[in-house]
Protein backbone atom coordinates (compact mmCIF):
# COMPACT_ATOMS: atom_id res chain seq x y z
CA UNK A 1 92.25 97.26 118.57
CA UNK A 2 92.92 97.01 115.18
CA UNK A 3 96.58 96.22 113.48
CA UNK A 4 97.88 97.67 110.07
CA UNK A 5 101.17 96.44 108.94
CA UNK A 6 102.97 97.46 105.84
CA UNK A 7 105.71 94.91 104.33
CA UNK A 8 107.95 94.45 101.56
CA UNK A 9 106.21 91.92 98.88
CA UNK A 10 103.39 89.56 98.42
CA UNK A 11 105.16 87.11 100.09
CA UNK A 12 105.52 88.65 103.51
CA UNK A 13 101.81 89.54 103.25
CA UNK A 14 101.08 85.80 102.81
CA UNK A 15 102.96 85.11 105.66
CA UNK A 16 101.62 87.29 107.62
CA UNK A 17 98.08 87.14 106.48
CA UNK A 18 98.16 83.16 106.90
CA UNK A 19 100.38 82.65 110.29
CA UNK A 20 98.56 85.27 112.10
CA UNK A 21 95.35 85.08 111.51
CA UNK A 22 95.82 81.12 112.18
CA UNK A 23 98.32 81.20 115.18
CA UNK A 24 96.85 83.84 116.89
CA UNK A 25 93.27 84.32 116.30
CA UNK A 26 93.29 87.76 114.59
CA UNK A 27 90.16 88.51 113.17
CA UNK A 28 90.21 89.61 109.15
CA UNK A 29 88.87 92.09 110.25
CA UNK A 30 91.45 93.88 113.00
CA UNK A 31 94.78 93.24 111.05
CA UNK A 32 95.30 94.90 107.67
CA UNK A 33 99.03 94.36 105.76
CA UNK A 34 99.56 96.34 103.29
CA UNK A 35 102.62 95.36 100.89
CA UNK A 36 104.81 97.67 98.81
CA UNK A 37 105.93 95.48 96.61
CA UNK A 38 108.70 95.12 93.61
CA UNK A 39 109.00 96.72 90.74
CA UNK A 40 112.07 96.15 88.81
CA UNK A 41 113.93 94.67 90.85
CA UNK A 42 113.48 98.08 93.10
CA UNK A 43 112.24 98.10 96.45
CA UNK A 44 109.14 100.29 97.25
CA UNK A 45 109.47 100.11 100.56
CA UNK A 46 111.96 102.44 101.08
CA UNK A 47 110.15 105.68 99.37
CA UNK A 48 108.81 107.51 101.88
CA UNK A 49 105.85 108.67 99.65
CA UNK A 50 104.82 105.04 98.87
CA UNK A 51 104.89 104.58 102.88
CA UNK A 52 103.03 107.70 104.04
CA UNK A 53 100.27 106.82 101.82
CA UNK A 54 99.69 103.45 102.75
CA UNK A 55 100.20 104.89 106.53
CA UNK A 56 97.24 107.34 105.35
CA UNK A 57 95.17 104.49 104.14
CA UNK A 58 95.83 102.84 107.16
CA UNK A 59 95.21 105.46 109.47
CA UNK A 60 91.94 105.82 107.49
CA UNK A 61 91.03 102.22 107.97
CA UNK A 62 90.66 102.74 112.06
CA UNK A 63 94.21 101.31 112.46
CA UNK A 64 95.12 101.85 116.28
CA UNK A 65 98.42 100.64 115.88
CA UNK A 66 100.95 100.42 112.83
CA UNK A 67 103.36 98.94 111.96
């Protein structure tokens, strides 16, 4: 099983990278976290085109579950 997560910003990515890797013993290759980030105060995670691009990237990287 390979899990892909799309999160809002760098601090969210750091949380999942650190917490889940440590607490649940995920191997780096089985948990991929992408960040949409913020630009000029606008949340890019609300942009459907960016989210769809991230989903396609995670599918290409063989993620079986995407959140």
